[in-house]
Amino acid sequence: MSDAIQTDVRAFIVENFLFGDDGVPLAAEQSLIESDLVDSTGVLELVSFLEERFGISLNDADIVPANLDSIARIAAFVMRKREAASTLAG
C-alpha cells in the first residue's frame, strides 16, 4: 500500500512542483523543503491533495516536516492516519 501512496504523491509533486518534468531525480527520502521543491504555499496544496486523494483529515498539528518533508514520510503519515481512522470506525 505504501508504494501506491508514494507513486500518487510523487506524481502530484512532479505535476505541480516540477511542472511535469519527471526527469528530475526525486528520491523517496529527499527533503522536499530543503530541496526547495515545496514552500509554505506548496505545503497547503499538498495538504489539500492528501485530504482529497486519500480521504484523510489533517489538523494543524499534523502539518509538520516530520509528516510532510519527503515522499516516504508522507506515505507513512497517510498510512498512520488511515489506520487510526479505521480503528476508530471499527
PDB file of N, CA and C in Angstrom:
ATOM      1  N   MET A   1       0.829  -1.203   0.000  1.00  0.00           N
ATOM      2  CA  MET A   1       0.000   0.000   0.000  1.00  0.00           C
ATOM      3  C   MET A   1       0.866   1.257   0.000  1.00  0.00           C
ATOM      4  N   SER A   2       1.954   1.241   0.752  1.00  0.00           N
ATOM      5  CA  SER A   2       2.829   2.400   0.825  1.00  0.00           C
ATOM      6  C   SER A   2       3.400   2.760  -0.540  1.00  0.00           C
ATOM      7  N   ASP A   3       3.698   1.746  -1.366  1.00  0.00           N
ATOM      8  CA  ASP A   3       4.232   2.012  -2.704  1.00  0.00           C
ATOM      9  C   ASP A   3       3.218   2.761  -3.553  1.00  0.00           C
ATOM     10  N   ALA A   4       1.953   2.389  -3.451  1.00  0.00           N
ATOM     11  CA  ALA A   4       0.905   3.063  -4.220  1.00  0.00           C
ATOM     12  C   ALA A   4       0.759   4.509  -3.763  1.00  0.00           C
ATOM     13  N   ILE A   5       0.837   4.730  -2.459  1.00  0.00           N
ATOM     14  CA  ILE A   5       0.748   6.079  -1.922  1.00  0.00           C
ATOM     15  C   ILE A   5       1.934   6.899  -2.410  1.00  0.00           C
ATOM     16  N   GLN A   6       3.132   6.329  -2.341  1.00  0.00           N
ATOM     17  CA  GLN A   6       4.323   7.035  -2.806  1.00  0.00           C
ATOM     18  C   GLN A   6       4.211   7.386  -4.287  1.00  0.00           C
ATOM     19  N   THR A   7       3.693   6.469  -5.075  1.00  0.00           N
ATOM     20  CA  THR A   7       3.528   6.720  -6.509  1.00  0.00           C
ATOM     21  C   THR A   7       2.583   7.893  -6.750  1.00  0.00           C
ATOM     22  N   ASP A   8       1.460   7.920  -6.042  1.00  0.00           N
ATOM     23  CA  ASP A   8       0.492   9.017  -6.196  1.00  0.00           C
ATOM     24  C   ASP A   8       1.074  10.347  -5.740  1.00  0.00           C
ATOM     25  N   VAL A   9       1.778  10.347  -4.616  1.00  0.00           N
ATOM     26  CA  VAL A   9       2.377  11.577  -4.090  1.00  0.00           C
ATOM     27  C   VAL A   9       3.466  12.071  -5.033  1.00  0.00           C
ATOM     28  N   ARG A  10       4.302  11.158  -5.513  1.00  0.00           N
ATOM     29  CA  ARG A  10       5.368  11.535  -6.448  1.00  0.00           C
ATOM     30  C   ARG A  10       4.760  12.168  -7.708  1.00  0.00           C
ATOM     31  N   ALA A  11       3.704  11.561  -8.246  1.00  0.00           N
ATOM     32  CA  ALA A  11       3.048  12.096  -9.444  1.00  0.00           C
ATOM     33  C   ALA A  11       2.508  13.502  -9.183  1.00  0.00           C
ATOM     34  N   PHE A  12       1.920  13.713  -8.009  1.00  0.00           N
ATOM     35  CA  PHE A  12       1.404  15.043  -7.658  1.00  0.00           C
ATOM     36  C   PHE A  12       2.538  16.064  -7.591  1.00  0.00           C
ATOM     37  N   ILE A  13       3.637  15.690  -6.962  1.00  0.00           N
ATOM     38  CA  ILE A  13       4.784  16.605  -6.827  1.00  0.00           C
ATOM     39  C   ILE A  13       5.376  16.930  -8.195  1.00  0.00           C
ATOM     40  N   VAL A  14       5.544  15.921  -9.029  1.00  0.00           N
ATOM     41  CA  VAL A  14       6.097  16.149 -10.370  1.00  0.00           C
ATOM     42  C   VAL A  14       5.187  17.086 -11.159  1.00  0.00           C
ATOM     43  N   GLU A  15       3.898  16.823 -11.115  1.00  0.00           N
ATOM     44  CA  GLU A  15       2.952  17.627 -11.889  1.00  0.00           C
ATOM     45  C   GLU A  15       2.846  19.063 -11.386  1.00  0.00           C
ATOM     46  N   ASN A  16       2.813  19.244 -10.071  1.00  0.00           N
ATOM     47  CA  ASN A  16       2.521  20.558  -9.508  1.00  0.00           C
ATOM     48  C   ASN A  16       3.739  21.389  -9.133  1.00  0.00           C
ATOM     49  N   PHE A  17       4.853  20.747  -8.801  1.00  0.00           N
ATOM     50  CA  PHE A  17       6.026  21.498  -8.355  1.00  0.00           C
ATOM     51  C   PHE A  17       7.211  21.394  -9.314  1.00  0.00           C
ATOM     52  N   LEU A  18       7.220  20.359 -10.144  1.00  0.00           N
ATOM     53  CA  LEU A  18       8.282  20.207 -11.142  1.00  0.00           C
ATOM     54  C   LEU A  18       7.733  20.445 -12.546  1.00  0.00           C
ATOM     55  N   PHE A  19       6.469  20.852 -12.621  1.00  0.00           N
ATOM     56  CA  PHE A  19       5.809  21.215 -13.878  1.00  0.00           C
ATOM     57  C   PHE A  19       5.887  20.106 -14.922  1.00  0.00           C
ATOM     58  N   GLY A  20       5.690  18.873 -14.443  1.00  0.00           N
ATOM     59  CA  GLY A  20       5.632  17.728 -15.323  1.00  0.00           C
ATOM     60  C   GLY A  20       6.971  17.150 -15.728  1.00  0.00           C
ATOM     61  N   ASP A  21       8.075  17.701 -15.216  1.00  0.00           N
ATOM     62  CA  ASP A  21       9.407  17.223 -15.580  1.00  0.00           C
ATOM     63  C   ASP A  21       9.770  16.014 -14.722  1.00  0.00           C
ATOM     64  N   ASP A  22       9.381  14.826 -15.176  1.00  0.00           N
ATOM     65  CA  ASP A  22       9.654  13.621 -14.393  1.00  0.00           C
ATOM     66  C   ASP A  22      11.082  13.123 -14.572  1.00  0.00           C
ATOM     67  N   GLY A  23      11.921  13.877 -15.293  1.00  0.00           N
ATOM     68  CA  GLY A  23      13.330  13.537 -15.434  1.00  0.00           C
ATOM     69  C   GLY A  23      14.173  14.000 -14.264  1.00  0.00           C
ATOM     70  N   VAL A  24      13.587  14.828 -13.398  1.00  0.00           N
ATOM     71  CA  VAL A  24      14.296  15.316 -12.215  1.00  0.00           C
ATOM     72  C   VAL A  24      14.349  14.193 -11.183  1.00  0.00           C
ATOM     73  N   PRO A  25      15.554  13.842 -10.700  1.00  0.00           N
ATOM     74  CA  PRO A  25      15.640  12.786  -9.681  1.00  0.00           C
ATOM     75  C   PRO A  25      14.902  13.210  -8.404  1.00  0.00           C
ATOM     76  N   LEU A  26      14.114  12.307  -7.880  1.00  0.00           N
ATOM     77  CA  LEU A  26      13.328  12.607  -6.685  1.00  0.00           C
ATOM     78  C   LEU A  26      13.270  11.351  -5.825  1.00  0.00           C
ATOM     79  N   ALA A  27      14.236  11.224  -4.913  1.00  0.00           N
ATOM     80  CA  ALA A  27      14.300  10.066  -4.030  1.00  0.00           C
ATOM     81  C   ALA A  27      13.194  10.126  -2.983  1.00  0.00           C
ATOM     82  N   ALA A  28      12.752   8.976  -2.552  1.00  0.00           N
ATOM     83  CA  ALA A  28      11.657   8.906  -1.568  1.00  0.00           C
ATOM     84  C   ALA A  28      12.014   9.603  -0.262  1.00  0.00           C
ATOM     85  N   GLU A  29      13.295   9.600   0.108  1.00  0.00           N
ATOM     86  CA  GLU A  29      13.734  10.205   1.368  1.00  0.00           C
ATOM     87  C   GLU A  29      14.204  11.656   1.213  1.00  0.00           C
ATOM     88  N   GLN A  30      14.214  12.175  -0.008  1.00  0.00           N
ATOM     89  CA  GLN A  30      14.702  13.533  -0.263  1.00  0.00           C
ATOM     90  C   GLN A  30      13.803  14.569   0.402  1.00  0.00           C
ATOM     91  N   SER A  31      14.413  15.519   1.108  1.00  0.00           N
ATOM     92  CA  SER A  31      13.654  16.578   1.760  1.00  0.00           C
ATOM     93  C   SER A  31      13.049  17.503   0.710  1.00  0.00           C
ATOM     94  N   LEU A  32      11.746  17.625   0.736  1.00  0.00           N
ATOM     95  CA  LEU A  32      11.061  18.500  -0.210  1.00  0.00           C
ATOM     96  C   LEU A  32      11.279  19.968   0.130  1.00  0.00           C
ATOM     97  N   ILE A  33      11.466  20.246   1.411  1.00  0.00           N
ATOM     98  CA  ILE A  33      11.660  21.631   1.854  1.00  0.00           C
ATOM     99  C   ILE A  33      13.098  22.073   1.612  1.00  0.00           C
ATOM    100  N   GLU A  34      14.062  21.272   2.036  1.00  0.00           N
ATOM    101  CA  GLU A  34      15.471  21.635   1.852  1.00  0.00           C
ATOM    102  C   GLU A  34      15.862  21.669   0.379  1.00  0.00           C
ATOM    103  N   SER A  35      15.173  20.912  -0.455  1.00  0.00           N
ATOM    104  CA  SER A  35      15.434  20.906  -1.895  1.00  0.00           C
ATOM    105  C   SER A  35      14.728  22.062  -2.602  1.00  0.00           C
ATOM    106  N   ASP A  36      14.010  22.862  -1.834  1.00  0.00           N
ATOM    107  CA  ASP A  36      13.230  23.985  -2.378  1.00  0.00           C
ATOM    108  C   ASP A  36      12.186  23.545  -3.397  1.00  0.00           C
ATOM    109  N   LEU A  37      11.690  22.331  -3.265  1.00  0.00           N
ATOM    110  CA  LEU A  37      10.617  21.875  -4.136  1.00  0.00           C
ATOM    111  C   LEU A  37       9.259  22.349  -3.637  1.00  0.00           C
ATOM    112  N   VAL A  38       9.126  22.433  -2.318  1.00  0.00           N
ATOM    113  CA  VAL A  38       7.852  22.809  -1.719  1.00  0.00           C
ATOM    114  C   VAL A  38       8.087  23.962  -0.747  1.00  0.00           C
ATOM    115  N   ASP A  39       7.316  25.036  -0.925  1.00  0.00           N
ATOM    116  CA  ASP A  39       7.364  26.159   0.013  1.00  0.00           C
ATOM    117  C   ASP A  39       6.086  26.135   0.851  1.00  0.00           C
ATOM    118  N   SER A  40       5.839  27.183   1.606  1.00  0.00           N
ATOM    119  CA  SER A  40       4.683  27.182   2.509  1.00  0.00           C
ATOM    120  C   SER A  40       3.357  27.085   1.748  1.00  0.00           C
ATOM    121  N   THR A  41       3.270  27.730   0.607  1.00  0.00           N
ATOM    122  CA  THR A  41       2.063  27.616  -0.209  1.00  0.00           C
ATOM    123  C   THR A  41       1.939  26.200  -0.761  1.00  0.00           C
ATOM    124  N   GLY A  42       3.065  25.629  -1.154  1.00  0.00           N
ATOM    125  CA  GLY A  42       3.072  24.266  -1.656  1.00  0.00           C
ATOM    126  C   GLY A  42       2.624  23.265  -0.614  1.00  0.00           C
ATOM    127  N   VAL A  43       2.976  23.501   0.627  1.00  0.00           N
ATOM    128  CA  VAL A  43       2.538  22.615   1.717  1.00  0.00           C
ATOM    129  C   VAL A  43       1.009  22.617   1.796  1.00  0.00           C
ATOM    130  N   LEU A  44       0.410  23.789   1.646  1.00  0.00           N
ATOM    131  CA  LEU A  44      -1.053  23.869   1.686  1.00  0.00           C
ATOM    132  C   LEU A  44      -1.676  23.119   0.509  1.00  0.00           C
ATOM    133  N   GLU A  45      -1.065  23.222  -0.668  1.00  0.00           N
ATOM    134  CA  GLU A  45      -1.534  22.463  -1.831  1.00  0.00           C
ATOM    135  C   GLU A  45      -1.404  20.966  -1.570  1.00  0.00           C
ATOM    136  N   LEU A  46      -0.291  20.567  -0.986  1.00  0.00           N
ATOM    137  CA  LEU A  46      -0.045  19.166  -0.669  1.00  0.00           C
ATOM    138  C   LEU A  46      -1.077  18.646   0.329  1.00  0.00           C
ATOM    139  N   VAL A  47      -1.364  19.422   1.355  1.00  0.00           N
ATOM    140  CA  VAL A  47      -2.363  19.037   2.354  1.00  0.00           C
ATOM    141  C   VAL A  47      -3.721  18.837   1.694  1.00  0.00           C
ATOM    142  N   SER A  48      -4.108  19.762   0.844  1.00  0.00           N
ATOM    143  CA  SER A  48      -5.386  19.653   0.142  1.00  0.00           C
ATOM    144  C   SER A  48      -5.435  18.383  -0.706  1.00  0.00           C
ATOM    145  N   PHE A  49      -4.346  18.114  -1.421  1.00  0.00           N
ATOM    146  CA  PHE A  49      -4.262  16.897  -2.229  1.00  0.00           C
ATOM    147  C   PHE A  49      -4.407  15.647  -1.365  1.00  0.00           C
ATOM    148  N   LEU A  50      -3.677  15.586  -0.260  1.00  0.00           N
ATOM    149  CA  LEU A  50      -3.718  14.409   0.607  1.00  0.00           C
ATOM    150  C   LEU A  50      -5.118  14.173   1.156  1.00  0.00           C
ATOM    151  N   GLU A  51      -5.764  15.240   1.581  1.00  0.00           N
ATOM    152  CA  GLU A  51      -7.117  15.096   2.133  1.00  0.00           C
ATOM    153  C   GLU A  51      -8.090  14.587   1.071  1.00  0.00           C
ATOM    154  N   GLU A  52      -8.003  15.149  -0.119  1.00  0.00           N
ATOM    155  CA  GLU A  52      -8.921  14.759  -1.180  1.00  0.00           C
ATOM    156  C   GLU A  52      -8.613  13.367  -1.720  1.00  0.00           C
ATOM    157  N   ARG A  53      -7.363  13.098  -2.010  1.00  0.00           N
ATOM    158  CA  ARG A  53      -6.975  11.840  -2.662  1.00  0.00           C
ATOM    159  C   ARG A  53      -7.096  10.638  -1.730  1.00  0.00           C
ATOM    160  N   PHE A  54      -6.720  10.816  -0.470  1.00  0.00           N
ATOM    161  CA  PHE A  54      -6.661   9.678   0.442  1.00  0.00           C
ATOM    162  C   PHE A  54      -7.769   9.672   1.489  1.00  0.00           C
ATOM    163  N   GLY A  55      -8.657  10.649   1.454  1.00  0.00           N
ATOM    164  CA  GLY A  55      -9.801  10.667   2.355  1.00  0.00           C
ATOM    165  C   GLY A  55      -9.425  10.804   3.814  1.00  0.00           C
ATOM    166  N   ILE A  56      -8.364  11.574   4.077  1.00  0.00           N
ATOM    167  CA  ILE A  56      -7.945  11.803   5.459  1.00  0.00           C
ATOM    168  C   ILE A  56      -8.158  13.268   5.792  1.00  0.00           C
ATOM    169  N   SER A  57      -8.132  13.580   7.057  1.00  0.00           N
ATOM    170  CA  SER A  57      -8.268  14.954   7.508  1.00  0.00           C
ATOM    171  C   SER A  57      -7.032  15.325   8.318  1.00  0.00           C
ATOM    172  N   LEU A  58      -6.405  16.420   7.945  1.00  0.00           N
ATOM    173  CA  LEU A  58      -5.217  16.881   8.658  1.00  0.00           C
ATOM    174  C   LEU A  58      -5.588  18.076   9.520  1.00  0.00           C
ATOM    175  N   ASN A  59      -5.071  18.089  10.736  1.00  0.00           N
ATOM    176  CA  ASN A  59      -5.245  19.262  11.574  1.00  0.00           C
ATOM    177  C   ASN A  59      -3.911  20.003  11.622  1.00  0.00           C
ATOM    178  N   ASP A  60      -3.898  21.154  12.236  1.00  0.00           N
ATOM    179  CA  ASP A  60      -2.692  21.981  12.249  1.00  0.00           C
ATOM    180  C   ASP A  60      -1.477  21.247  12.821  1.00  0.00           C
ATOM    181  N   ALA A  61      -1.685  20.433  13.825  1.00  0.00           N
ATOM    182  CA  ALA A  61      -0.577  19.712  14.459  1.00  0.00           C
ATOM    183  C   ALA A  61       0.041  18.669  13.520  1.00  0.00           C
ATOM    184  N   ASP A  62      -0.693  18.253  12.492  1.00  0.00           N
ATOM    185  CA  ASP A  62      -0.186  17.275  11.532  1.00  0.00           C
ATOM    186  C   ASP A  62       0.747  17.894  10.489  1.00  0.00           C
ATOM    187  N   ILE A  63       0.652  19.205  10.316  1.00  0.00           N
ATOM    188  CA  ILE A  63       1.373  19.883   9.237  1.00  0.00           C
ATOM    189  C   ILE A  63       2.756  20.290   9.725  1.00  0.00           C
ATOM    190  N   VAL A  64       3.612  19.279   9.838  1.00  0.00           N
ATOM    191  CA  VAL A  64       4.984  19.458  10.307  1.00  0.00           C
ATOM    192  C   VAL A  64       5.924  18.661   9.396  1.00  0.00           C
ATOM    193  N   PRO A  65       7.189  19.052   9.328  1.00  0.00           N
ATOM    194  CA  PRO A  65       8.140  18.327   8.480  1.00  0.00           C
ATOM    195  C   PRO A  65       8.236  16.830   8.791  1.00  0.00           C
ATOM    196  N   ALA A  66       8.061  16.466  10.032  1.00  0.00           N
ATOM    197  CA  ALA A  66       8.137  15.042  10.390  1.00  0.00           C
ATOM    198  C   ALA A  66       7.114  14.216   9.607  1.00  0.00           C
ATOM    199  N   ASN A  67       6.031  14.832   9.183  1.00  0.00           N
ATOM    200  CA  ASN A  67       4.994  14.138   8.423  1.00  0.00           C
ATOM    201  C   ASN A  67       5.044  14.411   6.921  1.00  0.00           C
ATOM    202  N   LEU A  68       5.532  15.597   6.529  1.00  0.00           N
ATOM    203  CA  LEU A  68       5.339  16.034   5.153  1.00  0.00           C
ATOM    204  C   LEU A  68       6.603  16.432   4.398  1.00  0.00           C
ATOM    205  N   ASP A  69       7.784  16.094   4.905  1.00  0.00           N
ATOM    206  CA  ASP A  69       9.005  16.602   4.290  1.00  0.00           C
ATOM    207  C   ASP A  69       9.622  15.689   3.230  1.00  0.00           C
ATOM    208  N   SER A  70       9.080  14.518   3.021  1.00  0.00           N
ATOM    209  CA  SER A  70       9.583  13.640   1.963  1.00  0.00           C
ATOM    210  C   SER A  70       8.444  12.730   1.519  1.00  0.00           C
ATOM    211  N   ILE A  71       8.629  12.144   0.361  1.00  0.00           N
ATOM    212  CA  ILE A  71       7.596  11.234  -0.146  1.00  0.00           C
ATOM    213  C   ILE A  71       7.418  10.056   0.809  1.00  0.00           C
ATOM    214  N   ALA A  72       8.507   9.527   1.334  1.00  0.00           N
ATOM    215  CA  ALA A  72       8.428   8.395   2.267  1.00  0.00           C
ATOM    216  C   ALA A  72       7.695   8.784   3.550  1.00  0.00           C
ATOM    217  N   ARG A  73       8.000   9.970   4.085  1.00  0.00           N
ATOM    218  CA  ARG A  73       7.321  10.424   5.308  1.00  0.00           C
ATOM    219  C   ARG A  73       5.834  10.652   5.058  1.00  0.00           C
ATOM    220  N   ILE A  74       5.513  11.207   3.903  1.00  0.00           N
ATOM    221  CA  ILE A  74       4.107  11.447   3.573  1.00  0.00           C
ATOM    222  C   ILE A  74       3.356  10.121   3.488  1.00  0.00           C
ATOM    223  N   ALA A  75       3.941   9.136   2.816  1.00  0.00           N
ATOM    224  CA  ALA A  75       3.285   7.831   2.680  1.00  0.00           C
ATOM    225  C   ALA A  75       3.067   7.180   4.044  1.00  0.00           C
ATOM    226  N   ALA A  76       4.075   7.233   4.899  1.00  0.00           N
ATOM    227  CA  ALA A  76       3.942   6.658   6.243  1.00  0.00           C
ATOM    228  C   ALA A  76       2.871   7.390   7.039  1.00  0.00           C
ATOM    229  N   PHE A  77       2.842   8.707   6.913  1.00  0.00           N
ATOM    230  CA  PHE A  77       1.843   9.515   7.612  1.00  0.00           C
ATOM    231  C   PHE A  77       0.433   9.173   7.138  1.00  0.00           C
ATOM    232  N   VAL A  78       0.233   9.080   5.822  1.00  0.00           N
ATOM    233  CA  VAL A  78      -1.085   8.738   5.279  1.00  0.00           C
ATOM    234  C   VAL A  78      -1.526   7.375   5.793  1.00  0.00           C
ATOM    235  N   MET A  79      -0.618   6.417   5.815  1.00  0.00           N
ATOM    236  CA  MET A  79      -0.969   5.082   6.317  1.00  0.00           C
ATOM    237  C   MET A  79      -1.368   5.131   7.795  1.00  0.00           C
ATOM    238  N   ARG A  80      -0.623   5.912   8.597  1.00  0.00           N
ATOM    239  CA  ARG A  80      -0.979   6.047  10.023  1.00  0.00           C
ATOM    240  C   ARG A  80      -2.356   6.677  10.185  1.00  0.00           C
ATOM    241  N   LYS A  81      -2.642   7.703   9.410  1.00  0.00           N
ATOM    242  CA  LYS A  81      -3.944   8.384   9.506  1.00  0.00           C
ATOM    243  C   LYS A  81      -5.075   7.438   9.116  1.00  0.00           C
ATOM    244  N   ARG A  82      -4.859   6.660   8.053  1.00  0.00           N
ATOM    245  CA  ARG A  82      -5.874   5.721   7.615  1.00  0.00           C
ATOM    246  C   ARG A  82      -6.100   4.621   8.651  1.00  0.00           C
ATOM    247  N   GLU A  83      -5.015   4.120   9.234  1.00  0.00           N
ATOM    248  CA  GLU A  83      -5.128   3.091  10.269  1.00  0.00           C
ATOM    249  C   GLU A  83      -5.867   3.622  11.489  1.00  0.00           C
ATOM    250  N   ALA A  84      -5.552   4.848  11.884  1.00  0.00           N
ATOM    251  CA  ALA A  84      -6.224   5.446  13.033  1.00  0.00           C
ATOM    252  C   ALA A  84      -7.713   5.621  12.751  1.00  0.00           C
ATOM    253  N   ALA A  85      -8.042   6.040  11.542  1.00  0.00           N
ATOM    254  CA  ALA A  85      -9.445   6.239  11.178  1.00  0.00           C
ATOM    255  C   ALA A  85     -10.197   4.906  11.149  1.00  0.00           C
ATOM    256  N   SER A  86      -9.562   3.858  10.650  1.00  0.00           N
ATOM    257  CA  SER A  86     -10.241   2.560  10.597  1.00  0.00           C
ATOM    258  C   SER A  86     -10.394   1.959  11.985  1.00  0.00           C
ATOM    259  N   THR A  87      -9.442   2.236  12.877  1.00  0.00           N
ATOM    260  CA  THR A  87      -9.539   1.766  14.258  1.00  0.00           C
ATOM    261  C   THR A  87     -10.711   2.447  14.963  1.00  0.00           C
ATOM    262  N   LEU A  88     -10.863   3.745  14.734  1.00  0.00           N
ATOM    263  CA  LEU A  88     -11.979   4.478  15.340  1.00  0.00           C
ATOM    264  C   LEU A  88     -13.316   4.034  14.778  1.00  0.00           C
ATOM    265  N   ALA A  89     -13.346   3.726  13.488  1.00  0.00           N
ATOM    266  CA  ALA A  89     -14.581   3.317  12.839  1.00  0.00           C
ATOM    267  C   ALA A  89     -14.953   1.876  13.180  1.00  0.00           C
ATOM    268  N   GLY A  90     -13.932   1.073  13.486  1.00  0.00           N
ATOM    269  CA  GLY A  90     -14.166  -0.361  13.707  1.00  0.00           C
ATOM    270  C   GLY A  90     -14.628  -0.649  15.063  1.00  0.00           C
TER     271      GLY A  90
END
